[in-house]
């Protein structure tokens, strides 16, 4: 039985209407149609009542050191392998193998002063080189790489100074050619003076004095301290 409005009663409820007390809105939350009943997609996360975005709130709530995946780029990319490092691994392995083979071919020269002989130490070094090569290979395969130079006085973007490199190579070549003819004191003087010049020092007289002193010091250090006579060259009989 329904009640008519003209007879002092409440109007009958419409079909589909929800009866009962209205739910008061919660402060700080937007009101609008229910996505589940209206058929519209939920809105993208936006700023909350305090003006802070949902993404910033998630980043602030993340533990220290944790990174959130980027929706644009996906999960963090896996580290790339530096295949050039495999050449270093192979070089270490080859050197270790050659050292072991060469040590195995060494004769058994054992004396009272050297009871161990010449074999064990080179073989041990060769085995250590092989172990280092194996560990290095595993590290490279897992994506490990050396850290770049972090010196504050080194600019990694600066190109190679080929002029300095070539001048240094020239100084060493001149020393190698003249050491037997002129002797170590003269060739060593040219080596030290030329190296200082290649590295940018332009105090020529002072550098020449220092180069002569270094050559004489190294000549007599080898001769007296180590019993090794460096070539005297044209100064034979004077030194």
C-alpha atoms as a PDB file:
ATOM      1  CA  UNK A   1       0.000   0.000   0.000  1.00  0.00           C
ATOM      2  CA  UNK A   2       1.434   3.406  -1.006  1.00  0.00           C
ATOM      3  CA  UNK A   3       0.814   6.784   0.550  1.00  0.00           C
ATOM      4  CA  UNK A   4      -0.157   9.708  -1.627  1.00  0.00           C
ATOM      5  CA  UNK A   5       1.511  13.087  -1.036  1.00  0.00           C
ATOM      6  CA  UNK A   6      -1.843  14.891  -0.980  1.00  0.00           C
ATOM      7  CA  UNK A   7      -2.962  12.750   1.967  1.00  0.00           C
ATOM      8  CA  UNK A   8      -0.168  13.884   4.320  1.00  0.00           C
ATOM      9  CA  UNK A   9       2.273  11.019   3.814  1.00  0.00           C
ATOM     10  CA  UNK A  10       5.733  10.659   2.312  1.00  0.00           C
ATOM     11  CA  UNK A  11       6.020  10.077  -1.425  1.00  0.00           C
ATOM     12  CA  UNK A  12       6.719   6.478  -2.400  1.00  0.00           C
ATOM     13  CA  UNK A  13      10.342   5.596  -3.232  1.00  0.00           C
ATOM     14  CA  UNK A  14      11.315   5.461  -6.875  1.00  0.00           C
ATOM     15  CA  UNK A  15      12.413   2.151  -8.381  1.00  0.00           C
ATOM     16  CA  UNK A  16      16.144   1.602  -7.989  1.00  0.00           C
ATOM     17  CA  UNK A  17      16.610   4.255  -5.327  1.00  0.00           C
ATOM     18  CA  UNK A  18      18.520   3.378  -2.178  1.00  0.00           C
ATOM     19  CA  UNK A  19      16.669   4.023   1.014  1.00  0.00           C
ATOM     20  CA  UNK A  20      18.250   4.794   4.364  1.00  0.00           C
ATOM     21  CA  UNK A  21      20.217   7.611   5.927  1.00  0.00           C
ATOM     22  CA  UNK A  22      22.651   9.452   3.660  1.00  0.00           C
ATOM     23  CA  UNK A  23      26.357   8.858   4.313  1.00  0.00           C
ATOM     24  CA  UNK A  24      28.105  12.126   5.183  1.00  0.00           C
ATOM     25  CA  UNK A  25      31.135  12.929   2.982  1.00  0.00           C
ATOM     26  CA  UNK A  26      34.579  12.362   4.477  1.00  0.00           C
ATOM     27  CA  UNK A  27      36.558  15.604   4.712  1.00  0.00           C
ATOM     28  CA  UNK A  28      39.584  15.752   2.398  1.00  0.00           C
ATOM     29  CA  UNK A  29      38.280  13.220  -0.102  1.00  0.00           C
ATOM     30  CA  UNK A  30      36.734  14.184  -3.457  1.00  0.00           C
ATOM     31  CA  UNK A  31      33.127  13.240  -4.047  1.00  0.00           C
ATOM     32  CA  UNK A  32      31.761  12.040  -7.326  1.00  0.00           C
ATOM     33  CA  UNK A  33      30.212   9.102  -9.112  1.00  0.00           C
ATOM     34  CA  UNK A  34      31.343   5.608  -8.228  1.00  0.00           C
ATOM     35  CA  UNK A  35      33.588   4.173 -10.984  1.00  0.00           C
ATOM     36  CA  UNK A  36      32.170   0.718 -10.389  1.00  0.00           C
ATOM     37  CA  UNK A  37      28.603   1.846 -11.151  1.00  0.00           C
ATOM     38  CA  UNK A  38      29.187   4.684 -13.567  1.00  0.00           C
ATOM     39  CA  UNK A  39      31.414   2.669 -15.931  1.00  0.00           C
ATOM     40  CA  UNK A  40      34.166   5.296 -16.073  1.00  0.00           C
ATOM     41  CA  UNK A  41      37.852   4.501 -15.492  1.00  0.00           C
ATOM     42  CA  UNK A  42      39.437   5.670 -12.225  1.00  0.00           C
ATOM     43  CA  UNK A  43      41.362   8.915 -12.443  1.00  0.00           C
ATOM     44  CA  UNK A  44      45.156   8.948 -12.449  1.00  0.00           C
ATOM     45  CA  UNK A  45      46.879   9.473  -9.087  1.00  0.00           C
ATOM     46  CA  UNK A  46      47.118  13.161  -8.344  1.00  0.00           C
ATOM     47  CA  UNK A  47      48.033  15.370  -5.442  1.00  0.00           C
ATOM     48  CA  UNK A  48      46.359  14.690  -2.154  1.00  0.00           C
ATOM     49  CA  UNK A  49      44.770  17.195   0.226  1.00  0.00           C
ATOM     50  CA  UNK A  50      48.205  18.492   1.310  1.00  0.00           C
ATOM     51  CA  UNK A  51      49.398  19.037  -2.284  1.00  0.00           C
ATOM     52  CA  UNK A  52      51.819  16.110  -2.282  1.00  0.00           C
ATOM     53  CA  UNK A  53      51.631  13.756  -5.237  1.00  0.00           C
ATOM     54  CA  UNK A  54      51.123  10.052  -4.718  1.00  0.00           C
ATOM     55  CA  UNK A  55      54.445   9.223  -6.436  1.00  0.00           C
ATOM     56  CA  UNK A  56      56.353  11.570  -4.150  1.00  0.00           C
ATOM     57  CA  UNK A  57      54.649  10.008  -1.133  1.00  0.00           C
ATOM     58  CA  UNK A  58      55.654   6.517  -2.298  1.00  0.00           C
ATOM     59  CA  UNK A  59      59.241   7.633  -2.856  1.00  0.00           C
ATOM     60  CA  UNK A  60      59.356   9.181   0.626  1.00  0.00           C
ATOM     61  CA  UNK A  61      57.956   6.002   2.174  1.00  0.00           C
ATOM     62  CA  UNK A  62      60.504   3.756   0.418  1.00  0.00           C
ATOM     63  CA  UNK A  63      63.387   2.541   2.598  1.00  0.00           C
ATOM     64  CA  UNK A  64      66.821   4.092   2.249  1.00  0.00           C
ATOM     65  CA  UNK A  65      68.716   2.835  -0.781  1.00  0.00           C
ATOM     66  CA  UNK A  66      65.613   1.366  -2.437  1.00  0.00           C
ATOM     67  CA  UNK A  67      64.614   2.546  -5.900  1.00  0.00           C
ATOM     68  CA  UNK A  68      61.133   2.450  -7.343  1.00  0.00           C
ATOM     69  CA  UNK A  69      60.703   1.074 -10.881  1.00  0.00           C
ATOM     70  CA  UNK A  70      60.096   3.702 -13.506  1.00  0.00           C
ATOM     71  CA  UNK A  71      56.860   3.183 -15.410  1.00  0.00           C
ATOM     72  CA  UNK A  72      58.418   4.589 -18.580  1.00  0.00           C
ATOM     73  CA  UNK A  73      61.593   2.572 -18.565  1.00  0.00           C
ATOM     74  CA  UNK A  74      60.557  -0.511 -16.609  1.00  0.00           C
ATOM     75  CA  UNK A  75      62.815  -2.295 -14.142  1.00  0.00           C
ATOM     76  CA  UNK A  76      66.464  -1.392 -13.812  1.00  0.00           C
ATOM     77  CA  UNK A  77      68.578  -2.584 -16.697  1.00  0.00           C
ATOM     78  CA  UNK A  78      71.063  -5.351 -16.043  1.00  0.00           C
ATOM     79  CA  UNK A  79      74.762  -4.316 -16.098  1.00  0.00           C
ATOM     80  CA  UNK A  80      76.449  -4.754 -19.444  1.00  0.00           C
ATOM     81  CA  UNK A  81      79.544  -6.892 -19.801  1.00  0.00           C
ATOM     82  CA  UNK A  82      82.785  -5.254 -20.862  1.00  0.00           C
ATOM     83  CA  UNK A  83      84.001  -7.849 -23.341  1.00  0.00           C
ATOM     84  CA  UNK A  84      87.365  -6.082 -23.667  1.00  0.00           C
ATOM     85  CA  UNK A  85      88.199  -7.281 -20.146  1.00  0.00           C
ATOM     86  CA  UNK A  86      88.216 -10.857 -21.427  1.00  0.00           C
ATOM     87  CA  UNK A  87      91.423  -9.998 -23.307  1.00  0.00           C
ATOM     88  CA  UNK A  88      93.064  -9.079 -19.993  1.00  0.00           C
ATOM     89  CA  UNK A  89      91.874 -12.376 -18.505  1.00  0.00           C
ATOM     90  CA  UNK A  90      93.311 -14.285 -21.452  1.00  0.00           C
ATOM     91  CA  UNK A  91      96.619 -12.390 -21.185  1.00  0.00           C
ATOM     92  CA  UNK A  92      96.962 -13.262 -17.494  1.00  0.00           C
ATOM     93  CA  UNK A  93      96.171 -16.906 -18.203  1.00  0.00           C
ATOM     94  CA  UNK A  94      98.724 -17.083 -21.037  1.00  0.00           C
ATOM     95  CA  UNK A  95     101.441 -15.460 -18.931  1.00  0.00           C
ATOM     96  CA  UNK A  96     100.706 -17.808 -16.039  1.00  0.00           C
ATOM     97  CA  UNK A  97     100.884 -20.838 -18.327  1.00  0.00           C
ATOM     98  CA  UNK A  98     104.169 -19.676 -19.887  1.00  0.00           C
ATOM     99  CA  UNK A  99     105.706 -19.090 -16.460  1.00  0.00           C
ATOM    100  CA  UNK A 100     104.733 -22.589 -15.332  1.00  0.00           C
ATOM    101  CA  UNK A 101     106.041 -24.212 -18.528  1.00  0.00           C
ATOM    102  CA  UNK A 102     109.324 -22.299 -18.349  1.00  0.00           C
ATOM    103  CA  UNK A 103     109.770 -23.155 -14.677  1.00  0.00           C
ATOM    104  CA  UNK A 104     109.110 -26.840 -15.358  1.00  0.00           C
ATOM    105  CA  UNK A 105     111.922 -26.886 -17.911  1.00  0.00           C
ATOM    106  CA  UNK A 106     114.410 -25.433 -15.413  1.00  0.00           C
ATOM    107  CA  UNK A 107     117.097 -27.832 -14.235  1.00  0.00           C
ATOM    108  CA  UNK A 108     117.314 -29.156 -10.677  1.00  0.00           C
ATOM    109  CA  UNK A 109     120.045 -26.878  -9.336  1.00  0.00           C
ATOM    110  CA  UNK A 110     119.910 -27.259  -5.568  1.00  0.00           C
ATOM    111  CA  UNK A 111     122.683 -26.113  -3.269  1.00  0.00           C
ATOM    112  CA  UNK A 112     123.157 -25.622   0.440  1.00  0.00           C
ATOM    113  CA  UNK A 113     122.556 -21.885   0.016  1.00  0.00           C
ATOM    114  CA  UNK A 114     119.289 -22.499  -1.885  1.00  0.00           C
ATOM    115  CA  UNK A 115     117.670 -25.767  -0.742  1.00  0.00           C
ATOM    116  CA  UNK A 116     114.369 -24.964  -2.489  1.00  0.00           C
ATOM    117  CA  UNK A 117     115.772 -24.550  -5.970  1.00  0.00           C
ATOM    118  CA  UNK A 118     114.669 -22.286  -8.828  1.00  0.00           C
ATOM    119  CA  UNK A 119     111.423 -24.131  -9.645  1.00  0.00           C
ATOM    120  CA  UNK A 120     108.878 -23.640  -6.827  1.00  0.00           C
ATOM    121  CA  UNK A 121     108.650 -19.835  -6.807  1.00  0.00           C
ATOM    122  CA  UNK A 122     107.993 -19.405 -10.569  1.00  0.00           C
ATOM    123  CA  UNK A 123     105.475 -22.257 -10.507  1.00  0.00           C
ATOM    124  CA  UNK A 124     103.702 -20.661  -7.541  1.00  0.00           C
ATOM    125  CA  UNK A 125     103.577 -17.333  -9.375  1.00  0.00           C
ATOM    126  CA  UNK A 126     102.198 -19.027 -12.481  1.00  0.00           C
ATOM    127  CA  UNK A 127      99.475 -20.774 -10.488  1.00  0.00           C
ATOM    128  CA  UNK A 128      98.541 -17.495  -8.809  1.00  0.00           C
ATOM    129  CA  UNK A 129      98.272 -15.820 -12.219  1.00  0.00           C
ATOM    130  CA  UNK A 130      95.936 -18.572 -13.409  1.00  0.00           C
ATOM    131  CA  UNK A 131      93.789 -18.205 -10.287  1.00  0.00           C
ATOM    132  CA  UNK A 132      93.592 -14.434 -10.742  1.00  0.00           C
ATOM    133  CA  UNK A 133      92.646 -14.909 -14.407  1.00  0.00           C
ATOM    134  CA  UNK A 134      89.863 -17.336 -13.464  1.00  0.00           C
ATOM    135  CA  UNK A 135      88.447 -15.065 -10.733  1.00  0.00           C
ATOM    136  CA  UNK A 136      88.670 -12.068 -13.059  1.00  0.00           C
ATOM    137  CA  UNK A 137      86.803 -13.962 -15.791  1.00  0.00           C
ATOM    138  CA  UNK A 138      83.985 -14.886 -13.422  1.00  0.00           C
ATOM    139  CA  UNK A 139      83.716 -11.288 -12.227  1.00  0.00           C
ATOM    140  CA  UNK A 140      83.536  -9.950 -15.802  1.00  0.00           C
ATOM    141  CA  UNK A 141      80.922 -12.572 -16.721  1.00  0.00           C
ATOM    142  CA  UNK A 142      78.770 -11.358 -13.821  1.00  0.00           C
ATOM    143  CA  UNK A 143      78.931  -7.786 -15.087  1.00  0.00           C
ATOM    144  CA  UNK A 144      81.739  -6.492 -12.906  1.00  0.00           C
ATOM    145  CA  UNK A 145      83.820  -3.604 -14.200  1.00  0.00           C
ATOM    146  CA  UNK A 146      86.545  -1.412 -12.856  1.00  0.00           C
ATOM    147  CA  UNK A 147      85.703   2.000 -11.502  1.00  0.00           C
ATOM    148  CA  UNK A 148      86.774   4.934 -13.667  1.00  0.00           C
ATOM    149  CA  UNK A 149      89.613   7.160 -12.598  1.00  0.00           C
ATOM    150  CA  UNK A 150      88.318   9.386  -9.813  1.00  0.00           C
ATOM    151  CA  UNK A 151      91.366  11.610  -9.324  1.00  0.00           C
ATOM    152  CA  UNK A 152      90.385  15.223  -8.865  1.00  0.00           C
ATOM    153  CA  UNK A 153      93.251  16.379 -11.085  1.00  0.00           C
ATOM    154  CA  UNK A 154      92.366  14.031 -13.970  1.00  0.00           C
ATOM    155  CA  UNK A 155      89.953  15.046 -16.688  1.00  0.00           C
ATOM    156  CA  UNK A 156      88.717  11.899 -18.424  1.00  0.00           C
ATOM    157  CA  UNK A 157      87.356  13.928 -21.327  1.00  0.00           C
ATOM    158  CA  UNK A 158      90.751  15.409 -22.236  1.00  0.00           C
ATOM    159  CA  UNK A 159      92.272  13.824 -25.369  1.00  0.00           C
ATOM    160  CA  UNK A 160      95.681  12.144 -25.285  1.00  0.00           C
ATOM    161  CA  UNK A 161      98.633  14.523 -25.524  1.00  0.00           C
ATOM    162  CA  UNK A 162     100.435  12.696 -28.319  1.00  0.00           C
ATOM    163  CA  UNK A 163     103.251  15.275 -28.419  1.00  0.00           C
ATOM    164  CA  UNK A 164     104.269  14.475 -24.846  1.00  0.00           C
ATOM    165  CA  UNK A 165     103.944  10.733 -25.456  1.00  0.00           C
ATOM    166  CA  UNK A 166     106.108  10.843 -28.595  1.00  0.00           C
ATOM    167  CA  UNK A 167     108.767  12.993 -26.917  1.00  0.00           C
ATOM    168  CA  UNK A 168     109.012  10.528 -24.027  1.00  0.00           C
ATOM    169  CA  UNK A 169     109.289   7.595 -26.435  1.00  0.00           C
ATOM    170  CA  UNK A 170     112.006   9.469 -28.329  1.00  0.00           C
ATOM    171  CA  UNK A 171     113.992  10.091 -25.123  1.00  0.00           C
ATOM    172  CA  UNK A 172     113.915   6.380 -24.254  1.00  0.00           C
ATOM    173  CA  UNK A 173     114.897   5.381 -27.790  1.00  0.00           C
ATOM    174  CA  UNK A 174     117.852   7.789 -27.792  1.00  0.00           C
ATOM    175  CA  UNK A 175     119.017   6.330 -24.487  1.00  0.00           C
ATOM    176  CA  UNK A 176     118.723   2.766 -25.844  1.00  0.00           C
ATOM    177  CA  UNK A 177     120.747   3.617 -28.963  1.00  0.00           C
ATOM    178  CA  UNK A 178     123.508   5.651 -27.287  1.00  0.00           C
ATOM    179  CA  UNK A 179     124.022   3.801 -23.997  1.00  0.00           C
ATOM    180  CA  UNK A 180     126.649   1.409 -25.406  1.00  0.00           C
ATOM    181  CA  UNK A 181     128.470   4.049 -27.464  1.00  0.00           C
ATOM    182  CA  UNK A 182     128.458   7.057 -25.154  1.00  0.00           C
ATOM    183  CA  UNK A 183     127.900   5.298 -21.835  1.00  0.00           C
ATOM    184  CA  UNK A 184     125.149   5.477 -19.257  1.00  0.00           C
ATOM    185  CA  UNK A 185     126.204   8.798 -17.770  1.00  0.00           C
ATOM    186  CA  UNK A 186     125.740  10.657 -21.062  1.00  0.00           C
ATOM    187  CA  UNK A 187     122.748   8.686 -22.346  1.00  0.00           C
ATOM    188  CA  UNK A 188     121.112   8.790 -18.906  1.00  0.00           C
ATOM    189  CA  UNK A 189     121.622  12.546 -18.782  1.00  0.00           C
ATOM    190  CA  UNK A 190     119.872  12.869 -22.138  1.00  0.00           C
ATOM    191  CA  UNK A 191     117.088  10.575 -20.894  1.00  0.00           C
ATOM    192  CA  UNK A 192     116.400  12.557 -17.715  1.00  0.00           C
ATOM    193  CA  UNK A 193     116.723  15.954 -19.392  1.00  0.00           C
ATOM    194  CA  UNK A 194     114.569  14.903 -22.353  1.00  0.00           C
ATOM    195  CA  UNK A 195     111.873  13.483 -20.064  1.00  0.00           C
ATOM    196  CA  UNK A 196     111.697  16.729 -18.106  1.00  0.00           C
ATOM    197  CA  UNK A 197     111.461  18.693 -21.358  1.00  0.00           C
ATOM    198  CA  UNK A 198     108.695  16.410 -22.676  1.00  0.00           C
ATOM    199  CA  UNK A 199     106.683  16.892 -19.483  1.00  0.00           C
ATOM    200  CA  UNK A 200     106.788  20.680 -19.885  1.00  0.00           C
ATOM    201  CA  UNK A 201     109.668  21.808 -17.662  1.00  0.00           C
ATOM    202  CA  UNK A 202     111.608  24.626 -19.357  1.00  0.00           C
ATOM    203  CA  UNK A 203     114.354  25.218 -16.762  1.00  0.00           C
ATOM    204  CA  UNK A 204     116.962  23.791 -19.115  1.00  0.00           C
ATOM    205  CA  UNK A 205     120.153  24.560 -17.145  1.00  0.00           C
ATOM    206  CA  UNK A 206     118.768  23.390 -13.827  1.00  0.00           C
ATOM    207  CA  UNK A 207     117.352  20.259 -15.441  1.00  0.00           C
ATOM    208  CA  UNK A 208     120.725  19.514 -17.045  1.00  0.00           C
ATOM    209  CA  UNK A 209     122.507  19.743 -13.682  1.00  0.00           C
ATOM    210  CA  UNK A 210     119.932  17.477 -12.041  1.00  0.00           C
ATOM    211  CA  UNK A 211     120.132  14.994 -14.945  1.00  0.00           C
ATOM    212  CA  UNK A 212     123.936  14.743 -14.685  1.00  0.00           C
ATOM    213  CA  UNK A 213     123.682  14.234 -10.910  1.00  0.00           C
ATOM    214  CA  UNK A 214     121.066  11.488 -11.281  1.00  0.00           C
ATOM    215  CA  UNK A 215     123.138   9.707 -13.933  1.00  0.00           C
ATOM    216  CA  UNK A 216     126.262   9.725 -11.774  1.00  0.00           C
ATOM    217  CA  UNK A 217     124.356   8.609  -8.676  1.00  0.00           C
ATOM    218  CA  UNK A 218     122.738   5.673 -10.493  1.00  0.00           C
ATOM    219  CA  UNK A 219     126.055   4.734 -12.164  1.00  0.00           C
ATOM    220  CA  UNK A 220     127.966   4.451  -8.872  1.00  0.00           C
ATOM    221  CA  UNK A 221     124.973   2.920  -7.041  1.00  0.00           C
ATOM    222  CA  UNK A 222     124.918   0.022  -9.512  1.00  0.00           C
ATOM    223  CA  UNK A 223     128.714  -0.288  -9.566  1.00  0.00           C
ATOM    224  CA  UNK A 224     129.400  -0.075  -5.825  1.00  0.00           C
ATOM    225  CA  UNK A 225     126.140  -1.108  -4.213  1.00  0.00           C
ATOM    226  CA  UNK A 226     125.024  -3.887  -6.573  1.00  0.00           C
ATOM    227  CA  UNK A 227     128.272  -4.854  -8.272  1.00  0.00           C
ATOM    228  CA  UNK A 228     126.795  -4.182 -11.728  1.00  0.00           C
ATOM    229  CA  UNK A 229     128.898  -2.096 -14.071  1.00  0.00           C
ATOM    230  CA  UNK A 230     126.830   0.084 -16.364  1.00  0.00           C
ATOM    231  CA  UNK A 231     128.399   0.994 -19.720  1.00  0.00           C
ATOM    232  CA  UNK A 232     130.912   3.797 -19.320  1.00  0.00           C
ATOM    233  CA  UNK A 233     131.285   4.438 -23.047  1.00  0.00           C
ATOM    234  CA  UNK A 234     133.583   7.340 -23.981  1.00  0.00           C
ATOM    235  CA  UNK A 235     134.116   8.027 -20.262  1.00  0.00           C
ATOM    236  CA  UNK A 236     135.822   4.691 -19.729  1.00  0.00           C
ATOM    237  CA  UNK A 237     138.845   5.237 -17.476  1.00  0.00           C
ATOM    238  CA  UNK A 238     137.511   8.548 -16.194  1.00  0.00           C
ATOM    239  CA  UNK A 239     134.642   7.289 -14.076  1.00  0.00           C
END
